C-alpha cells in the first residue's frame, strides 16, 4: 500500500482553541446520562451510567 506523506500539510493556529463543551455543559451532559441510567433499565441505560461515571471523573471538582 502506498502512503502519501505530503497529504497532511498545513499550519495550526498558535492561539488556544476553545473547548468543544463548557464545563457547565459537560456537567449537564453527565447529569442527563445519570438520569437516563435511572429511567432506562436496559443495557443501554447501564452503559449511559458507566459513561457518565467515566466522564464525571475527568471533570474538575466543583468549588
Protein backbone atom coordinates (compact mmCIF):
# COMPACT_ATOMS: atom_id res chain seq x y z
CA UNK A 1 0.00 0.00 0.00
CA UNK A 2 1.39 3.38 -0.97
CA UNK A 3 1.39 6.15 1.63
CA UNK A 4 1.26 9.81 0.65
CA UNK A 5 3.13 11.71 3.36
CA UNK A 6 2.51 15.05 1.64
CA UNK A 7 -1.27 14.73 2.01
CA UNK A 8 -1.27 16.18 5.55
CA UNK A 9 0.09 19.67 5.32
CA UNK A 10 -0.80 22.95 6.89
CA UNK A 11 -0.25 25.22 9.80
CA UNK A 12 -2.03 25.10 13.10
CA UNK A 13 -3.03 28.38 14.72
CA UNK A 14 -0.94 29.39 17.71
CA UNK A 15 -3.92 30.84 19.58
CA UNK A 16 -5.53 28.47 22.11
CA UNK A 17 -8.65 26.73 20.89
CA UNK A 18 -11.96 26.91 22.67
CA UNK A 19 -13.23 23.71 24.30
CA UNK A 20 -15.95 21.81 22.50
CA UNK A 21 -18.09 21.99 25.64
CA UNK A 22 -18.04 24.38 28.51
CA UNK A 23 -17.67 22.92 31.99
CA UNK A 24 -21.32 23.68 32.72
CA UNK A 25 -22.41 21.90 29.53
CA UNK A 26 -20.26 18.88 30.35
CA UNK A 27 -21.74 18.64 33.85
CA UNK A 28 -25.24 18.92 32.41
CA UNK A 29 -24.49 16.11 29.96
CA UNK A 30 -23.28 13.92 32.86
CA UNK A 31 -26.50 14.67 34.79
CA UNK A 32 -28.58 13.67 31.77
CA UNK A 33 -26.64 10.44 31.35
CA UNK A 34 -27.20 9.57 35.03
CA UNK A 35 -30.90 10.32 34.57
CA UNK A 36 -31.00 8.08 31.50
CA UNK A 37 -29.40 5.31 33.55
CA UNK A 38 -32.22 5.54 36.11
CA UNK A 39 -35.01 5.68 33.53
CA UNK A 40 -33.75 3.04 31.10
CA UNK A 41 -33.40 -0.37 32.73
CA UNK A 42 -31.93 -1.95 29.60
CA UNK A 43 -28.21 -2.45 28.99
CA UNK A 44 -28.21 0.93 27.21
CA UNK A 45 -29.19 2.62 30.47
CA UNK A 46 -26.39 0.83 32.29
CA UNK A 47 -23.96 1.90 29.58
CA UNK A 48 -25.14 5.51 29.97
CA UNK A 49 -24.41 5.32 33.68
CA UNK A 50 -20.95 3.90 33.07
CA UNK A 51 -20.21 6.63 30.54
CA UNK A 52 -21.46 9.28 32.97
CA UNK A 53 -19.15 7.94 35.68
CA UNK A 54 -16.14 7.95 33.38
CA UNK A 55 -16.88 11.48 32.17
CA UNK A 56 -17.51 12.78 35.69
CA UNK A 57 -14.08 11.55 36.79
CA UNK A 58 -12.47 13.69 34.09
CA UNK A 59 -14.22 16.91 35.10
CA UNK A 60 -12.65 19.22 37.65
CA UNK A 61 -14.22 19.18 41.09
CA UNK A 62 -16.69 21.96 41.74
CA UNK A 63 -15.63 24.55 44.32
